[in-house]
Amino acid sequence: MGYGNAFAEYVCADESLFALKPANLSFAEAAAVPLAGETAYEALFQQGEITRYSKVFICGGPTGVGLFGIQLAKAVGAHIACTSSSRNMDTIKKLGYNVTENVSEAMKPNNDDLLVIDYTKYNFGEILHHQNYDVVFDCVGGQEQWESAQQILKPGGRFITIVGDDPHSNLTVKNIVTMGAGVINRKFWSLVGQEPSYIFHILKHDYRHLDDMRVNYIETGKMKPIIDHVYDFYNLKELHEMYDRSKSGKAQGKMVAQIIKD
């Protein structure tokens, strides 16, 4: 579904908000898809309009949204690169692609390796300066993502963020106003041709996106959820562990609270 308030045994909602479960996924795996998967789908296909000829960079490859973004970009044949820490490199490798940290090799024609840049060691803007990317998809937030993205985007390229400058801020009225002013300022300069397009993406929710992901990407084996751990919904200790792991930022994939077993 993709909406909140789904931590329950039963949910009542309009039928337009539901989509069929992919036949090749368990219920726990399917539960990990809607929010993160649809966010990546909308950002890359609707906002980014990526194709097999696109060059896509994802800030935060190992994040829940980033992992789906990598797979969707790969599925359409786009050139794809991302940031990660060395600690999370194994998470990205679970996707099954050839992974490289060698920039010169990754930039060779017809090389379809997934380029991963360790953000704890390098600034991706400096490493990929003037590489003319079509889209930078920011899944982690922070002003430094925008600053680095401007160094690698081609003229007319698109910076799409789902977080904004402050990944730790709460949605207070003050923060919304401040964020809105920053977005308007960047959009103004992008319109007059001084900067790449700046897009703050908010998930729209459309069951047709979930159906398209199911038919063309998940059931064809081009996309899969990476599960960190499945927790028992009725075990209070496990739910506390799930909450703590979520806040720690150490999860390597999606976390699922299982209400009813398959």
C-alpha atoms as a PDB file:
ATOM      1  CA  MET A   1       0.000   0.000   0.000  1.00  0.00           C
ATOM      2  CA  GLY A   2       2.679   2.506   0.911  1.00  0.00           C
ATOM      3  CA  TYR A   3       0.707   4.512   3.491  1.00  0.00           C
ATOM      4  CA  GLY A   4       1.263   4.587   7.241  1.00  0.00           C
ATOM      5  CA  ASN A   5      -0.931   2.960   9.899  1.00  0.00           C
ATOM      6  CA  ALA A   6      -0.368  -0.504   8.431  1.00  0.00           C
ATOM      7  CA  PHE A   7       1.042  -1.950  11.667  1.00  0.00           C
ATOM      8  CA  ALA A   8      -2.086  -4.054  12.148  1.00  0.00           C
ATOM      9  CA  GLU A   9      -3.609  -7.446  11.404  1.00  0.00           C
ATOM     10  CA  TYR A  10      -6.336  -5.911   9.244  1.00  0.00           C
ATOM     11  CA  VAL A  11      -6.464  -2.731   7.172  1.00  0.00           C
ATOM     12  CA  CYS A  12      -9.496  -1.042   5.634  1.00  0.00           C
ATOM     13  CA  ALA A  13      -8.841   1.267   2.692  1.00  0.00           C
ATOM     14  CA  ASP A  14     -10.080   2.226  -0.753  1.00  0.00           C
ATOM     15  CA  GLU A  15      -9.512  -0.539  -3.302  1.00  0.00           C
ATOM     16  CA  SER A  16      -7.486   1.843  -5.479  1.00  0.00           C
ATOM     17  CA  LEU A  17      -4.739   1.760  -2.823  1.00  0.00           C
ATOM     18  CA  PHE A  18      -4.146  -1.986  -3.144  1.00  0.00           C
ATOM     19  CA  ALA A  19      -2.064  -3.972  -5.614  1.00  0.00           C
ATOM     20  CA  LEU A  20      -1.475  -7.689  -6.110  1.00  0.00           C
ATOM     21  CA  LYS A  21       1.412  -9.334  -4.290  1.00  0.00           C
ATOM     22  CA  PRO A  22       4.208 -10.500  -6.618  1.00  0.00           C
ATOM     23  CA  ALA A  23       3.882 -14.256  -7.073  1.00  0.00           C
ATOM     24  CA  ASN A  24       7.593 -14.864  -6.515  1.00  0.00           C
ATOM     25  CA  LEU A  25       7.814 -13.022  -3.168  1.00  0.00           C
ATOM     26  CA  SER A  26       6.824 -14.105   0.316  1.00  0.00           C
ATOM     27  CA  PHE A  27       4.450 -11.843   2.233  1.00  0.00           C
ATOM     28  CA  ALA A  28       7.369 -10.539   4.291  1.00  0.00           C
ATOM     29  CA  GLU A  29       9.361  -9.733   1.149  1.00  0.00           C
ATOM     30  CA  ALA A  30       6.356  -8.120  -0.524  1.00  0.00           C
ATOM     31  CA  ALA A  31       5.785  -5.904   2.519  1.00  0.00           C
ATOM     32  CA  ALA A  32       9.246  -4.415   1.998  1.00  0.00           C
ATOM     33  CA  VAL A  33       8.448  -3.165  -1.506  1.00  0.00           C
ATOM     34  CA  PRO A  34       5.705  -0.472  -1.605  1.00  0.00           C
ATOM     35  CA  LEU A  35       7.071   2.597   0.199  1.00  0.00           C
ATOM     36  CA  ALA A  36      10.734   2.393  -0.818  1.00  0.00           C
ATOM     37  CA  GLY A  37      10.128   0.760  -4.191  1.00  0.00           C
ATOM     38  CA  GLU A  38       7.452   3.179  -5.332  1.00  0.00           C
ATOM     39  CA  THR A  39       9.497   6.166  -4.150  1.00  0.00           C
ATOM     40  CA  ALA A  40      12.422   5.049  -6.319  1.00  0.00           C
ATOM     41  CA  TYR A  41      10.090   4.274  -9.230  1.00  0.00           C
ATOM     42  CA  GLU A  42       8.454   7.710  -9.221  1.00  0.00           C
ATOM     43  CA  ALA A  43      11.694   9.606  -8.678  1.00  0.00           C
ATOM     44  CA  LEU A  44      13.606   7.896 -11.485  1.00  0.00           C
ATOM     45  CA  PHE A  45      10.891   7.258 -14.065  1.00  0.00           C
ATOM     46  CA  GLN A  46       8.550  10.217 -13.558  1.00  0.00           C
ATOM     47  CA  GLN A  47      10.862  12.927 -12.280  1.00  0.00           C
ATOM     48  CA  GLY A  48      14.110  11.703 -13.837  1.00  0.00           C
ATOM     49  CA  GLU A  49      12.596  10.190 -17.010  1.00  0.00           C
ATOM     50  CA  ILE A  50      15.537   7.806 -17.219  1.00  0.00           C
ATOM     51  CA  THR A  51      16.135   5.511 -20.190  1.00  0.00           C
ATOM     52  CA  ARG A  52      18.811   3.050 -21.293  1.00  0.00           C
ATOM     53  CA  TYR A  53      20.871   6.035 -22.436  1.00  0.00           C
ATOM     54  CA  SER A  54      20.823   7.807 -19.060  1.00  0.00           C
ATOM     55  CA  LYS A  55      23.678   8.197 -16.598  1.00  0.00           C
ATOM     56  CA  VAL A  56      22.322   7.948 -13.060  1.00  0.00           C
ATOM     57  CA  PHE A  57      24.065   8.579  -9.749  1.00  0.00           C
ATOM     58  CA  ILE A  58      22.443   7.574  -6.450  1.00  0.00           C
ATOM     59  CA  CYS A  59      23.507   9.146  -3.164  1.00  0.00           C
ATOM     60  CA  GLY A  60      22.980   6.341  -0.669  1.00  0.00           C
ATOM     61  CA  GLY A  61      23.037   3.128  -2.667  1.00  0.00           C
ATOM     62  CA  PRO A  62      22.550   0.851   0.372  1.00  0.00           C
ATOM     63  CA  THR A  63      19.469   2.730   1.645  1.00  0.00           C
ATOM     64  CA  GLY A  64      16.066   1.112   1.249  1.00  0.00           C
ATOM     65  CA  VAL A  65      15.115   3.463  -1.594  1.00  0.00           C
ATOM     66  CA  GLY A  66      18.611   3.432  -3.065  1.00  0.00           C
ATOM     67  CA  LEU A  67      18.679  -0.357  -3.430  1.00  0.00           C
ATOM     68  CA  PHE A  68      15.458  -0.274  -5.438  1.00  0.00           C
ATOM     69  CA  GLY A  69      16.740   2.698  -7.440  1.00  0.00           C
ATOM     70  CA  ILE A  70      19.885   0.822  -8.456  1.00  0.00           C
ATOM     71  CA  GLN A  71      17.825  -2.139  -9.652  1.00  0.00           C
ATOM     72  CA  LEU A  72      15.319  -0.040 -11.605  1.00  0.00           C
ATOM     73  CA  ALA A  73      18.093   1.914 -13.332  1.00  0.00           C
ATOM     74  CA  LYS A  74      19.923  -1.319 -14.142  1.00  0.00           C
ATOM     75  CA  ALA A  75      16.729  -2.901 -15.445  1.00  0.00           C
ATOM     76  CA  VAL A  76      16.280  -0.223 -18.116  1.00  0.00           C
ATOM     77  CA  GLY A  77      19.962  -0.393 -19.068  1.00  0.00           C
ATOM     78  CA  ALA A  78      21.114   2.943 -17.636  1.00  0.00           C
ATOM     79  CA  HIS A  79      24.697   3.577 -16.526  1.00  0.00           C
ATOM     80  CA  ILE A  80      24.558   3.587 -12.725  1.00  0.00           C
ATOM     81  CA  ALA A  81      26.890   4.640  -9.913  1.00  0.00           C
ATOM     82  CA  CYS A  82      26.295   5.260  -6.222  1.00  0.00           C
ATOM     83  CA  THR A  83      27.826   6.114  -2.871  1.00  0.00           C
ATOM     84  CA  SER A  84      28.238   3.714   0.030  1.00  0.00           C
ATOM     85  CA  SER A  85      30.492   3.112   2.994  1.00  0.00           C
ATOM     86  CA  SER A  86      32.821   0.123   2.990  1.00  0.00           C
ATOM     87  CA  ARG A  87      30.686  -1.339   5.801  1.00  0.00           C
ATOM     88  CA  ASN A  88      27.631  -1.452   3.540  1.00  0.00           C
ATOM     89  CA  MET A  89      29.401  -2.706   0.423  1.00  0.00           C
ATOM     90  CA  ASP A  90      28.212  -6.258   1.084  1.00  0.00           C
ATOM     91  CA  THR A  91      24.601  -5.042   1.038  1.00  0.00           C
ATOM     92  CA  ILE A  92      25.028  -3.693  -2.482  1.00  0.00           C
ATOM     93  CA  LYS A  93      26.748  -6.896  -3.599  1.00  0.00           C
ATOM     94  CA  LYS A  94      23.623  -8.833  -2.569  1.00  0.00           C
ATOM     95  CA  LEU A  95      21.945  -7.340  -5.641  1.00  0.00           C
ATOM     96  CA  GLY A  96      24.120  -9.613  -7.775  1.00  0.00           C
ATOM     97  CA  TYR A  97      25.789  -7.053 -10.055  1.00  0.00           C
ATOM     98  CA  ASN A  98      29.469  -6.717 -10.860  1.00  0.00           C
ATOM     99  CA  VAL A  99      30.655  -4.032  -8.447  1.00  0.00           C
ATOM    100  CA  THR A 100      33.746  -1.889  -8.931  1.00  0.00           C
ATOM    101  CA  GLU A 101      35.404   1.026  -7.158  1.00  0.00           C
ATOM    102  CA  ASN A 102      37.664   1.727 -10.140  1.00  0.00           C
ATOM    103  CA  VAL A 103      36.352   4.928 -11.739  1.00  0.00           C
ATOM    104  CA  SER A 104      38.452   4.769 -14.911  1.00  0.00           C
ATOM    105  CA  GLU A 105      37.341   1.196 -15.611  1.00  0.00           C
ATOM    106  CA  ALA A 106      33.678   1.974 -14.899  1.00  0.00           C
ATOM    107  CA  MET A 107      33.705   4.904 -17.333  1.00  0.00           C
ATOM    108  CA  LYS A 108      34.902   2.849 -20.287  1.00  0.00           C
ATOM    109  CA  PRO A 109      32.348   2.412 -23.107  1.00  0.00           C
ATOM    110  CA  ASN A 110      30.039  -0.592 -22.746  1.00  0.00           C
ATOM    111  CA  ASN A 111      31.157  -1.236 -19.157  1.00  0.00           C
ATOM    112  CA  ASP A 112      28.037  -2.114 -17.180  1.00  0.00           C
ATOM    113  CA  ASP A 113      29.707  -2.565 -13.789  1.00  0.00           C
ATOM    114  CA  LEU A 114      28.065  -0.841 -10.843  1.00  0.00           C
ATOM    115  CA  LEU A 115      30.473   1.894  -9.728  1.00  0.00           C
ATOM    116  CA  VAL A 116      30.463   2.399  -5.949  1.00  0.00           C
ATOM    117  CA  ILE A 117      32.256   5.350  -4.336  1.00  0.00           C
ATOM    118  CA  ASP A 118      33.115   5.161  -0.637  1.00  0.00           C
ATOM    119  CA  TYR A 119      31.802   8.463   0.708  1.00  0.00           C
ATOM    120  CA  THR A 120      33.870   8.085   3.889  1.00  0.00           C
ATOM    121  CA  LYS A 121      37.014   8.448   1.756  1.00  0.00           C
ATOM    122  CA  TYR A 122      36.031  10.442  -1.318  1.00  0.00           C
ATOM    123  CA  ASN A 123      33.794  13.289  -2.474  1.00  0.00           C
ATOM    124  CA  PHE A 124      31.854  11.981  -5.456  1.00  0.00           C
ATOM    125  CA  GLY A 125      31.717  15.474  -6.960  1.00  0.00           C
ATOM    126  CA  GLU A 126      35.502  15.599  -7.143  1.00  0.00           C
ATOM    127  CA  ILE A 127      35.886  11.998  -8.301  1.00  0.00           C
ATOM    128  CA  LEU A 128      33.307  12.306 -11.109  1.00  0.00           C
ATOM    129  CA  HIS A 129      33.798  15.981 -11.985  1.00  0.00           C
ATOM    130  CA  HIS A 130      32.379  16.840 -15.454  1.00  0.00           C
ATOM    131  CA  GLN A 131      31.145  13.286 -16.135  1.00  0.00           C
ATOM    132  CA  ASN A 132      27.808  14.698 -17.368  1.00  0.00           C
ATOM    133  CA  TYR A 133      25.314  12.630 -15.425  1.00  0.00           C
ATOM    134  CA  ASP A 134      21.668  13.031 -16.383  1.00  0.00           C
ATOM    135  CA  VAL A 135      20.254  12.395 -12.911  1.00  0.00           C
ATOM    136  CA  VAL A 136      21.524  12.495  -9.348  1.00  0.00           C
ATOM    137  CA  PHE A 137      19.044  10.827  -6.998  1.00  0.00           C
ATOM    138  CA  ASP A 138      19.640  11.798  -3.364  1.00  0.00           C
ATOM    139  CA  CYS A 139      18.409   9.279  -0.785  1.00  0.00           C
ATOM    140  CA  VAL A 140      20.452  10.485   2.206  1.00  0.00           C
ATOM    141  CA  GLY A 141      20.130  14.274   2.382  1.00  0.00           C
ATOM    142  CA  GLY A 142      22.508  17.043   3.341  1.00  0.00           C
ATOM    143  CA  GLN A 143      23.560  20.162   1.463  1.00  0.00           C
ATOM    144  CA  GLU A 144      26.824  18.481   0.466  1.00  0.00           C
ATOM    145  CA  GLN A 145      24.885  16.121  -1.829  1.00  0.00           C
ATOM    146  CA  TRP A 146      23.533  19.080  -3.809  1.00  0.00           C
ATOM    147  CA  GLU A 147      26.925  20.782  -3.921  1.00  0.00           C
ATOM    148  CA  SER A 148      28.683  17.643  -5.182  1.00  0.00           C
ATOM    149  CA  ALA A 149      25.894  16.849  -7.641  1.00  0.00           C
ATOM    150  CA  GLN A 150      26.369  20.170  -9.424  1.00  0.00           C
ATOM    151  CA  GLN A 151      29.908  19.100 -10.287  1.00  0.00           C
ATOM    152  CA  ILE A 152      28.841  15.919 -12.087  1.00  0.00           C
ATOM    153  CA  LEU A 153      25.499  16.815 -13.686  1.00  0.00           C
ATOM    154  CA  LYS A 154      25.339  17.811 -17.330  1.00  0.00           C
ATOM    155  CA  PRO A 155      23.697  21.127 -18.330  1.00  0.00           C
ATOM    156  CA  GLY A 156      19.985  20.561 -17.852  1.00  0.00           C
ATOM    157  CA  GLY A 157      20.602  17.583 -15.562  1.00  0.00           C
ATOM    158  CA  ARG A 158      18.272  16.823 -12.674  1.00  0.00           C
ATOM    159  CA  PHE A 159      18.962  16.619  -8.956  1.00  0.00           C
ATOM    160  CA  ILE A 160      16.135  14.699  -7.278  1.00  0.00           C
ATOM    161  CA  THR A 161      16.053  14.504  -3.489  1.00  0.00           C
ATOM    162  CA  ILE A 162      13.619  12.772  -1.152  1.00  0.00           C
ATOM    163  CA  VAL A 163      15.301  14.169   1.977  1.00  0.00           C
ATOM    164  CA  GLY A 164      16.508  17.751   1.520  1.00  0.00           C
ATOM    165  CA  ASP A 165      19.370  19.552   3.222  1.00  0.00           C
ATOM    166  CA  ASP A 166      18.775  18.354   6.782  1.00  0.00           C
ATOM    167  CA  PRO A 167      18.168  14.590   7.038  1.00  0.00           C
ATOM    168  CA  HIS A 168      17.611  14.852  10.805  1.00  0.00           C
ATOM    169  CA  SER A 169      15.052  17.669  10.920  1.00  0.00           C
ATOM    170  CA  ASN A 170      11.449  17.190  12.004  1.00  0.00           C
ATOM    171  CA  LEU A 171       8.578  18.464   9.866  1.00  0.00           C
ATOM    172  CA  THR A 172       7.828  21.552  11.967  1.00  0.00           C
ATOM    173  CA  VAL A 173       6.242  24.636  10.414  1.00  0.00           C
ATOM    174  CA  LYS A 174       9.562  26.485  10.734  1.00  0.00           C
ATOM    175  CA  ASN A 175      11.504  23.715   8.995  1.00  0.00           C
ATOM    176  CA  ILE A 176       8.939  23.390   6.220  1.00  0.00           C
ATOM    177  CA  VAL A 177       9.089  27.153   5.559  1.00  0.00           C
ATOM    178  CA  THR A 178      12.901  27.132   5.608  1.00  0.00           C
ATOM    179  CA  MET A 179      13.076  24.097   3.339  1.00  0.00           C
ATOM    180  CA  GLY A 180      10.522  25.628   0.984  1.00  0.00           C
ATOM    181  CA  ALA A 181      12.528  28.840   0.698  1.00  0.00           C
ATOM    182  CA  GLY A 182      15.669  26.877  -0.149  1.00  0.00           C
ATOM    183  CA  VAL A 183      13.870  24.821  -2.793  1.00  0.00           C
ATOM    184  CA  ILE A 184      12.367  27.948  -4.379  1.00  0.00           C
ATOM    185  CA  ASN A 185      15.789  29.608  -4.485  1.00  0.00           C
ATOM    186  CA  ARG A 186      17.385  26.605  -6.195  1.00  0.00           C
ATOM    187  CA  LYS A 187      14.483  26.226  -8.611  1.00  0.00           C
ATOM    188  CA  PHE A 188      14.830  29.892  -9.576  1.00  0.00           C
ATOM    189  CA  TRP A 189      18.518  29.526 -10.441  1.00  0.00           C
ATOM    190  CA  SER A 190      17.833  26.298 -12.329  1.00  0.00           C
ATOM    191  CA  LEU A 191      15.148  28.053 -14.399  1.00  0.00           C
ATOM    192  CA  VAL A 192      17.523  30.830 -15.421  1.00  0.00           C
ATOM    193  CA  GLY A 193      20.113  28.250 -16.428  1.00  0.00           C
ATOM    194  CA  GLN A 194      22.619  28.820 -13.652  1.00  0.00           C
ATOM    195  CA  GLU A 195      22.189  25.457 -11.922  1.00  0.00           C
ATOM    196  CA  PRO A 196      20.827  21.950 -12.658  1.00  0.00           C
ATOM    197  CA  SER A 197      17.142  21.307 -12.020  1.00  0.00           C
ATOM    198  CA  TYR A 198      16.417  20.855  -8.313  1.00  0.00           C
ATOM    199  CA  ILE A 199      13.474  18.547  -7.572  1.00  0.00           C
ATOM    200  CA  PHE A 200      12.168  17.722  -4.105  1.00  0.00           C
ATOM    201  CA  HIS A 201      10.153  14.556  -4.627  1.00  0.00           C
ATOM    202  CA  ILE A 202       7.240  13.540  -2.409  1.00  0.00           C
ATOM    203  CA  LEU A 203       5.663  10.120  -2.986  1.00  0.00           C
ATOM    204  CA  LYS A 204       2.298  10.331  -4.778  1.00  0.00           C
ATOM    205  CA  HIS A 205       1.096   6.702  -4.337  1.00  0.00           C
ATOM    206  CA  ASP A 206      -0.434   4.999  -7.362  1.00  0.00           C
ATOM    207  CA  TYR A 207      -1.307   1.297  -7.424  1.00  0.00           C
ATOM    208  CA  ARG A 208      -0.478   1.270 -11.136  1.00  0.00           C
ATOM    209  CA  HIS A 209       3.171   1.893 -10.257  1.00  0.00           C
ATOM    210  CA  LEU A 210       3.125  -1.130  -7.950  1.00  0.00           C
ATOM    211  CA  ASP A 211       1.483  -3.211 -10.679  1.00  0.00           C
ATOM    212  CA  ASP A 212       4.128  -2.145 -13.191  1.00  0.00           C
ATOM    213  CA  MET A 213       6.916  -3.001 -10.749  1.00  0.00           C
ATOM    214  CA  ARG A 214       5.330  -6.393 -10.085  1.00  0.00           C
ATOM    215  CA  VAL A 215       4.801  -7.380 -13.720  1.00  0.00           C
ATOM    216  CA  ASN A 216       7.846  -5.860 -15.406  1.00  0.00           C
ATOM    217  CA  TYR A 217      10.510  -5.861 -12.716  1.00  0.00           C
ATOM    218  CA  ILE A 218       9.837  -8.136  -9.741  1.00  0.00           C
ATOM    219  CA  GLU A 219       8.211 -11.175 -11.362  1.00  0.00           C
ATOM    220  CA  THR A 220      10.757 -11.005 -14.189  1.00  0.00           C
ATOM    221  CA  GLY A 221      13.606 -11.209 -11.670  1.00  0.00           C
ATOM    222  CA  LYS A 222      14.957  -7.720 -12.382  1.00  0.00           C
ATOM    223  CA  MET A 223      14.185  -6.344  -8.933  1.00  0.00           C
ATOM    224  CA  LYS A 224      14.008  -7.823  -5.446  1.00  0.00           C
ATOM    225  CA  PRO A 225      13.813  -6.503  -1.887  1.00  0.00           C
ATOM    226  CA  ILE A 226      16.899  -6.914   0.277  1.00  0.00           C
ATOM    227  CA  ILE A 227      15.751  -7.953   3.766  1.00  0.00           C
ATOM    228  CA  ASP A 228      17.872  -7.124   6.800  1.00  0.00           C
ATOM    229  CA  HIS A 229      15.706  -9.003   9.299  1.00  0.00           C
ATOM    230  CA  VAL A 230      12.124 -10.156   9.841  1.00  0.00           C
ATOM    231  CA  TYR A 231      10.782  -9.449  13.331  1.00  0.00           C
ATOM    232  CA  ASP A 232       7.856 -11.042  15.161  1.00  0.00           C
ATOM    233  CA  PHE A 233       5.062  -8.477  15.503  1.00  0.00           C
ATOM    234  CA  TYR A 234       3.827 -10.136  18.710  1.00  0.00           C
ATOM    235  CA  ASN A 235       7.221 -10.205  20.407  1.00  0.00           C
ATOM    236  CA  LEU A 236       7.693  -6.893  22.223  1.00  0.00           C
ATOM    237  CA  LYS A 237      11.426  -7.459  22.652  1.00  0.00           C
ATOM    238  CA  GLU A 238      11.873  -7.985  18.928  1.00  0.00           C
ATOM    239  CA  LEU A 239       9.886  -4.845  18.123  1.00  0.00           C
ATOM    240  CA  HIS A 240      12.162  -2.840  20.424  1.00  0.00           C
ATOM    241  CA  GLU A 241      15.161  -4.372  18.661  1.00  0.00           C
ATOM    242  CA  MET A 242      13.645  -3.413  15.309  1.00  0.00           C
ATOM    243  CA  TYR A 243      13.110   0.172  16.439  1.00  0.00           C
ATOM    244  CA  ASP A 244      16.642   0.467  17.836  1.00  0.00           C
ATOM    245  CA  ARG A 245      18.195  -0.993  14.682  1.00  0.00           C
ATOM    246  CA  SER A 246      16.164   1.373  12.542  1.00  0.00           C
ATOM    247  CA  LYS A 247      17.405   4.376  14.519  1.00  0.00           C
ATOM    248  CA  SER A 248      21.004   3.130  14.503  1.00  0.00           C
ATOM    249  CA  GLY A 249      21.291   3.337  10.722  1.00  0.00           C
ATOM    250  CA  LYS A 250      23.040  -0.036  10.687  1.00  0.00           C
ATOM    251  CA  ALA A 251      20.301  -2.016   8.964  1.00  0.00           C
ATOM    252  CA  GLN A 252      21.510  -3.609   5.741  1.00  0.00           C
ATOM    253  CA  GLY A 253      18.279  -3.766   3.815  1.00  0.00           C
ATOM    254  CA  LYS A 254      14.628  -3.494   4.813  1.00  0.00           C
ATOM    255  CA  MET A 255      13.273  -4.502   8.204  1.00  0.00           C
ATOM    256  CA  VAL A 256       9.890  -6.211   8.354  1.00  0.00           C
ATOM    257  CA  ALA A 257       7.495  -6.792  11.242  1.00  0.00           C
ATOM    258  CA  GLN A 258       5.722 -10.044  10.402  1.00  0.00           C
ATOM    259  CA  ILE A 259       2.123 -10.138  11.619  1.00  0.00           C
ATOM    260  CA  ILE A 260       0.951 -13.364   9.979  1.00  0.00           C
ATOM    261  CA  LYS A 261       3.340 -16.005   8.669  1.00  0.00           C
ATOM    262  CA  ASP A 262       2.979 -17.321   5.109  1.00  0.00           C
END
